[in-house]
């Protein structure tokens, strides 16, 4: 049935990548569903930050260490935020809850974090 096809399709997609990457499933977490979370920080970042011990250095390759407490500025610009960059996961969570950052940009930043870390 459908499950087998999805599994097979995922395997084909992953095998076609030169370097496997991890991204969020936009069918599950997207601009329409992110607002349904009670707390973005607890639902997403508590798990992601804890699982990788909070630090990553792979992306961007600028020699700095980033993590939940320090996002690279490129996360914001790549998400289309042209005002002040989102400095960290706590600020993203609070800004989204207040409506200062739109759902699409929020999901883009979560996806970038996921790709950079995993």
C-alpha atoms as a PDB file:
ATOM      1  CA  UNK A   1       0.000   0.000   0.000  1.00  0.00           C
ATOM      2  CA  UNK A   2       0.858   3.630   0.463  1.00  0.00           C
ATOM      3  CA  UNK A   3       3.324   3.029   3.287  1.00  0.00           C
ATOM      4  CA  UNK A   4       5.543   0.834   1.140  1.00  0.00           C
ATOM      5  CA  UNK A   5       5.536   3.372  -1.684  1.00  0.00           C
ATOM      6  CA  UNK A   6       6.476   6.222   0.660  1.00  0.00           C
ATOM      7  CA  UNK A   7       9.289   4.198   2.192  1.00  0.00           C
ATOM      8  CA  UNK A   8      10.577   3.224  -1.244  1.00  0.00           C
ATOM      9  CA  UNK A   9      10.356   6.823  -2.489  1.00  0.00           C
ATOM     10  CA  UNK A  10      12.288   8.069   0.564  1.00  0.00           C
ATOM     11  CA  UNK A  11      15.022   5.554  -0.051  1.00  0.00           C
ATOM     12  CA  UNK A  12      15.317   6.670  -3.677  1.00  0.00           C
ATOM     13  CA  UNK A  13      15.516  10.315  -2.695  1.00  0.00           C
ATOM     14  CA  UNK A  14      18.177   9.671  -0.062  1.00  0.00           C
ATOM     15  CA  UNK A  15      20.248   7.475  -2.345  1.00  0.00           C
ATOM     16  CA  UNK A  16      20.272  10.180  -5.029  1.00  0.00           C
ATOM     17  CA  UNK A  17      21.871  12.751  -2.719  1.00  0.00           C
ATOM     18  CA  UNK A  18      25.624  13.146  -2.784  1.00  0.00           C
ATOM     19  CA  UNK A  19      25.596  14.056   0.910  1.00  0.00           C
ATOM     20  CA  UNK A  20      22.572  12.907   2.919  1.00  0.00           C
ATOM     21  CA  UNK A  21      20.860  15.667   4.880  1.00  0.00           C
ATOM     22  CA  UNK A  22      18.193  15.691   7.510  1.00  0.00           C
ATOM     23  CA  UNK A  23      15.266  18.064   7.101  1.00  0.00           C
ATOM     24  CA  UNK A  24      11.888  18.436   8.716  1.00  0.00           C
ATOM     25  CA  UNK A  25       8.882  16.823   7.085  1.00  0.00           C
ATOM     26  CA  UNK A  26       6.940  19.795   5.705  1.00  0.00           C
ATOM     27  CA  UNK A  27       3.794  17.644   5.542  1.00  0.00           C
ATOM     28  CA  UNK A  28       3.884  17.568   9.346  1.00  0.00           C
ATOM     29  CA  UNK A  29       5.591  20.809  10.392  1.00  0.00           C
ATOM     30  CA  UNK A  30       4.741  23.710   8.119  1.00  0.00           C
ATOM     31  CA  UNK A  31       3.387  27.257   8.210  1.00  0.00           C
ATOM     32  CA  UNK A  32      -0.132  25.887   8.755  1.00  0.00           C
ATOM     33  CA  UNK A  33       0.741  23.536  11.627  1.00  0.00           C
ATOM     34  CA  UNK A  34       3.502  25.337  13.543  1.00  0.00           C
ATOM     35  CA  UNK A  35       0.957  27.602  15.224  1.00  0.00           C
ATOM     36  CA  UNK A  36      -0.870  24.587  16.632  1.00  0.00           C
ATOM     37  CA  UNK A  37       2.042  23.824  18.960  1.00  0.00           C
ATOM     38  CA  UNK A  38       1.578  24.943  22.542  1.00  0.00           C
ATOM     39  CA  UNK A  39       5.241  25.894  22.819  1.00  0.00           C
ATOM     40  CA  UNK A  40       7.686  25.774  19.903  1.00  0.00           C
ATOM     41  CA  UNK A  41      10.630  25.701  22.298  1.00  0.00           C
ATOM     42  CA  UNK A  42       9.410  22.653  24.177  1.00  0.00           C
ATOM     43  CA  UNK A  43       7.989  20.860  21.155  1.00  0.00           C
ATOM     44  CA  UNK A  44      10.975  21.336  18.860  1.00  0.00           C
ATOM     45  CA  UNK A  45      14.088  22.874  20.348  1.00  0.00           C
ATOM     46  CA  UNK A  46      14.102  21.047  23.687  1.00  0.00           C
ATOM     47  CA  UNK A  47      14.451  17.788  21.768  1.00  0.00           C
ATOM     48  CA  UNK A  48      16.759  19.008  18.995  1.00  0.00           C
ATOM     49  CA  UNK A  49      19.112  20.981  21.242  1.00  0.00           C
ATOM     50  CA  UNK A  50      19.401  18.222  23.802  1.00  0.00           C
ATOM     51  CA  UNK A  51      19.982  15.500  21.216  1.00  0.00           C
ATOM     52  CA  UNK A  52      23.036  17.204  19.735  1.00  0.00           C
ATOM     53  CA  UNK A  53      24.233  18.761  22.989  1.00  0.00           C
ATOM     54  CA  UNK A  54      23.372  22.194  21.604  1.00  0.00           C
ATOM     55  CA  UNK A  55      26.354  22.936  19.362  1.00  0.00           C
ATOM     56  CA  UNK A  56      27.149  22.550  15.701  1.00  0.00           C
ATOM     57  CA  UNK A  57      29.933  23.845  13.503  1.00  0.00           C
ATOM     58  CA  UNK A  58      29.187  22.337  10.108  1.00  0.00           C
ATOM     59  CA  UNK A  59      27.077  25.059   8.567  1.00  0.00           C
ATOM     60  CA  UNK A  60      27.866  27.781   7.783  1.00  0.00           C
ATOM     61  CA  UNK A  61      31.557  26.925   7.450  1.00  0.00           C
ATOM     62  CA  UNK A  62      32.830  30.201   8.870  1.00  0.00           C
ATOM     63  CA  UNK A  63      34.808  28.768  11.774  1.00  0.00           C
ATOM     64  CA  UNK A  64      32.325  29.871  14.444  1.00  0.00           C
ATOM     65  CA  UNK A  65      30.407  27.559  16.739  1.00  0.00           C
ATOM     66  CA  UNK A  66      26.642  27.857  16.565  1.00  0.00           C
ATOM     67  CA  UNK A  67      23.824  26.116  18.348  1.00  0.00           C
ATOM     68  CA  UNK A  68      20.551  26.714  20.144  1.00  0.00           C
ATOM     69  CA  UNK A  69      22.006  29.693  21.968  1.00  0.00           C
ATOM     70  CA  UNK A  70      23.570  31.274  18.871  1.00  0.00           C
ATOM     71  CA  UNK A  71      22.124  31.027  15.355  1.00  0.00           C
ATOM     72  CA  UNK A  72      24.137  32.188  12.358  1.00  0.00           C
ATOM     73  CA  UNK A  73      22.710  35.324  10.732  1.00  0.00           C
ATOM     74  CA  UNK A  74      22.249  33.343   7.513  1.00  0.00           C
ATOM     75  CA  UNK A  75      19.334  31.452   9.115  1.00  0.00           C
ATOM     76  CA  UNK A  76      17.370  34.702   9.211  1.00  0.00           C
ATOM     77  CA  UNK A  77      18.372  36.018   5.811  1.00  0.00           C
ATOM     78  CA  UNK A  78      17.729  32.645   4.157  1.00  0.00           C
ATOM     79  CA  UNK A  79      14.262  32.645   5.773  1.00  0.00           C
ATOM     80  CA  UNK A  80      13.551  36.059   4.286  1.00  0.00           C
ATOM     81  CA  UNK A  81      13.905  38.078   7.480  1.00  0.00           C
ATOM     82  CA  UNK A  82      15.369  41.430   6.474  1.00  0.00           C
ATOM     83  CA  UNK A  83      15.087  43.174   9.832  1.00  0.00           C
ATOM     84  CA  UNK A  84      17.062  42.151  12.920  1.00  0.00           C
ATOM     85  CA  UNK A  85      18.342  38.565  12.675  1.00  0.00           C
ATOM     86  CA  UNK A  86      16.979  35.908  15.024  1.00  0.00           C
ATOM     87  CA  UNK A  87      19.869  35.325  17.452  1.00  0.00           C
ATOM     88  CA  UNK A  88      18.835  31.988  19.034  1.00  0.00           C
ATOM     89  CA  UNK A  89      16.119  29.392  19.604  1.00  0.00           C
ATOM     90  CA  UNK A  90      14.669  31.176  22.650  1.00  0.00           C
ATOM     91  CA  UNK A  91      14.266  34.406  20.684  1.00  0.00           C
ATOM     92  CA  UNK A  92      12.689  32.535  17.761  1.00  0.00           C
ATOM     93  CA  UNK A  93      10.215  30.848  20.102  1.00  0.00           C
ATOM     94  CA  UNK A  94       9.274  34.127  21.799  1.00  0.00           C
ATOM     95  CA  UNK A  95       9.112  36.153  18.584  1.00  0.00           C
ATOM     96  CA  UNK A  96       6.904  33.576  16.904  1.00  0.00           C
ATOM     97  CA  UNK A  97       4.592  33.391  19.934  1.00  0.00           C
ATOM     98  CA  UNK A  98       4.224  37.203  19.863  1.00  0.00           C
ATOM     99  CA  UNK A  99       3.551  37.202  16.115  1.00  0.00           C
ATOM    100  CA  UNK A 100       6.737  39.092  15.282  1.00  0.00           C
ATOM    101  CA  UNK A 101       7.944  36.339  12.933  1.00  0.00           C
ATOM    102  CA  UNK A 102       5.603  34.732  10.446  1.00  0.00           C
ATOM    103  CA  UNK A 103       4.989  30.974  10.470  1.00  0.00           C
ATOM    104  CA  UNK A 104       6.756  30.345   7.161  1.00  0.00           C
ATOM    105  CA  UNK A 105       9.997  32.021   8.269  1.00  0.00           C
ATOM    106  CA  UNK A 106       9.789  30.204  11.606  1.00  0.00           C
ATOM    107  CA  UNK A 107       9.564  26.813   9.902  1.00  0.00           C
ATOM    108  CA  UNK A 108      12.392  27.775   7.528  1.00  0.00           C
ATOM    109  CA  UNK A 109      14.662  28.548  10.496  1.00  0.00           C
ATOM    110  CA  UNK A 110      13.714  25.296  12.265  1.00  0.00           C
ATOM    111  CA  UNK A 111      14.477  23.418   9.048  1.00  0.00           C
ATOM    112  CA  UNK A 112      17.856  25.139   8.648  1.00  0.00           C
ATOM    113  CA  UNK A 113      18.745  24.304  12.236  1.00  0.00           C
ATOM    114  CA  UNK A 114      17.755  20.669  11.690  1.00  0.00           C
ATOM    115  CA  UNK A 115      19.840  20.454   8.513  1.00  0.00           C
ATOM    116  CA  UNK A 116      22.858  22.067  10.137  1.00  0.00           C
ATOM    117  CA  UNK A 117      22.775  19.835  13.189  1.00  0.00           C
ATOM    118  CA  UNK A 118      21.833  16.436  11.855  1.00  0.00           C
END
